[in-house]
Protein backbone atom coordinates (compact mmCIF):
# COMPACT_ATOMS: atom_id res chain seq x y z
CA UNK A 1 -25.62 -18.47 58.24
CA UNK A 2 -22.92 -16.22 56.90
CA UNK A 3 -21.51 -16.54 53.39
CA UNK A 4 -18.96 -19.35 53.19
CA UNK A 5 -16.72 -20.03 50.19
CA UNK A 6 -14.83 -23.08 48.98
CA UNK A 7 -12.55 -23.83 46.00
CA UNK A 8 -12.94 -26.22 43.08
CA UNK A 9 -9.94 -28.59 43.10
CA UNK A 10 -7.86 -29.64 40.08
CA UNK A 11 -9.90 -32.90 40.15
CA UNK A 12 -13.13 -30.83 39.92
CA UNK A 13 -14.13 -31.64 43.49
CA UNK A 14 -15.57 -29.29 46.09
CA UNK A 15 -15.37 -29.84 49.84
CA UNK A 16 -18.53 -28.82 51.65
CA UNK A 17 -17.55 -26.75 54.70
CA UNK A 18 -18.20 -28.39 58.07
CA UNK A 19 -20.55 -25.57 59.20
CA UNK A 20 -22.79 -26.20 56.16
CA UNK A 21 -22.76 -30.01 56.61
CA UNK A 22 -23.67 -29.70 60.27
CA UNK A 23 -26.44 -27.14 59.73
CA UNK A 24 -28.00 -29.23 56.92
CA UNK A 25 -27.39 -32.58 58.69
CA UNK A 26 -25.63 -33.96 55.60
CA UNK A 27 -23.75 -37.24 55.97
CA UNK A 28 -20.91 -38.91 54.05
CA UNK A 29 -22.22 -41.02 51.17
CA UNK A 30 -25.41 -38.98 50.79
CA UNK A 31 -26.50 -38.42 47.16
CA UNK A 32 -27.20 -34.97 45.75
CA UNK A 33 -28.89 -33.52 42.69
CA UNK A 34 -27.71 -30.44 40.79
CA UNK A 35 -30.33 -28.14 39.27
CA UNK A 36 -29.20 -25.39 36.85
CA UNK A 37 -30.34 -21.91 37.93
CA UNK A 38 -29.26 -19.20 35.49
CA UNK A 39 -25.49 -18.87 35.82
CA UNK A 40 -25.49 -20.86 39.06
CA UNK A 41 -26.42 -24.29 40.34
CA UNK A 42 -28.75 -25.42 43.12
CA UNK A 43 -27.41 -28.44 44.99
CA UNK A 44 -29.73 -30.38 47.25
CA UNK A 45 -29.99 -33.89 48.70
CA UNK A 46 -31.60 -36.39 46.34
CA UNK A 47 -34.98 -37.36 47.80
CA UNK A 48 -35.49 -40.94 48.97
CA UNK A 49 -38.29 -42.95 47.37
CA UNK A 50 -40.35 -42.89 50.58
CA UNK A 51 -40.21 -39.06 50.55
CA UNK A 52 -41.81 -39.02 47.08
CA UNK A 53 -44.74 -41.25 48.02
CA UNK A 54 -48.02 -39.37 47.48
CA UNK A 55 -46.37 -36.41 45.74
CA UNK A 56 -48.79 -36.63 42.78
CA UNK A 57 -51.91 -37.37 44.81
CA UNK A 58 -54.84 -35.52 43.28
CA UNK A 59 -53.01 -34.78 40.03
CA UNK A 60 -55.22 -34.56 36.95
CA UNK A 61 -54.54 -37.47 34.62
CA UNK A 62 -56.67 -36.51 31.62
CA UNK A 63 -55.03 -34.92 28.57
CA UNK A 64 -51.64 -36.29 29.59
CA UNK A 65 -49.12 -36.25 26.75
CA UNK A 66 -47.14 -39.35 25.97
CA UNK A 67 -44.08 -39.94 23.81
CA UNK A 68 -46.43 -41.36 21.14
CA UNK A 69 -48.03 -37.97 20.47
CA UNK A 70 -44.73 -36.13 19.99
CA UNK A 71 -43.64 -35.27 16.49
């Protein structure tokens, strides 16, 4: 996809260009997360709970820090 630009409105809103929405299959009402990246921002769809199932399978659970051991 070529570089596409958009403008921040006076209400601090950005319209996502149709070509981007169609390529990414984004729909109205979909939730997004914003992740700071240096001087920029990564925007991506917020994952649904079912997509997170099993994400930590096999994770080591020993030596896990808890709020209690913070100073």
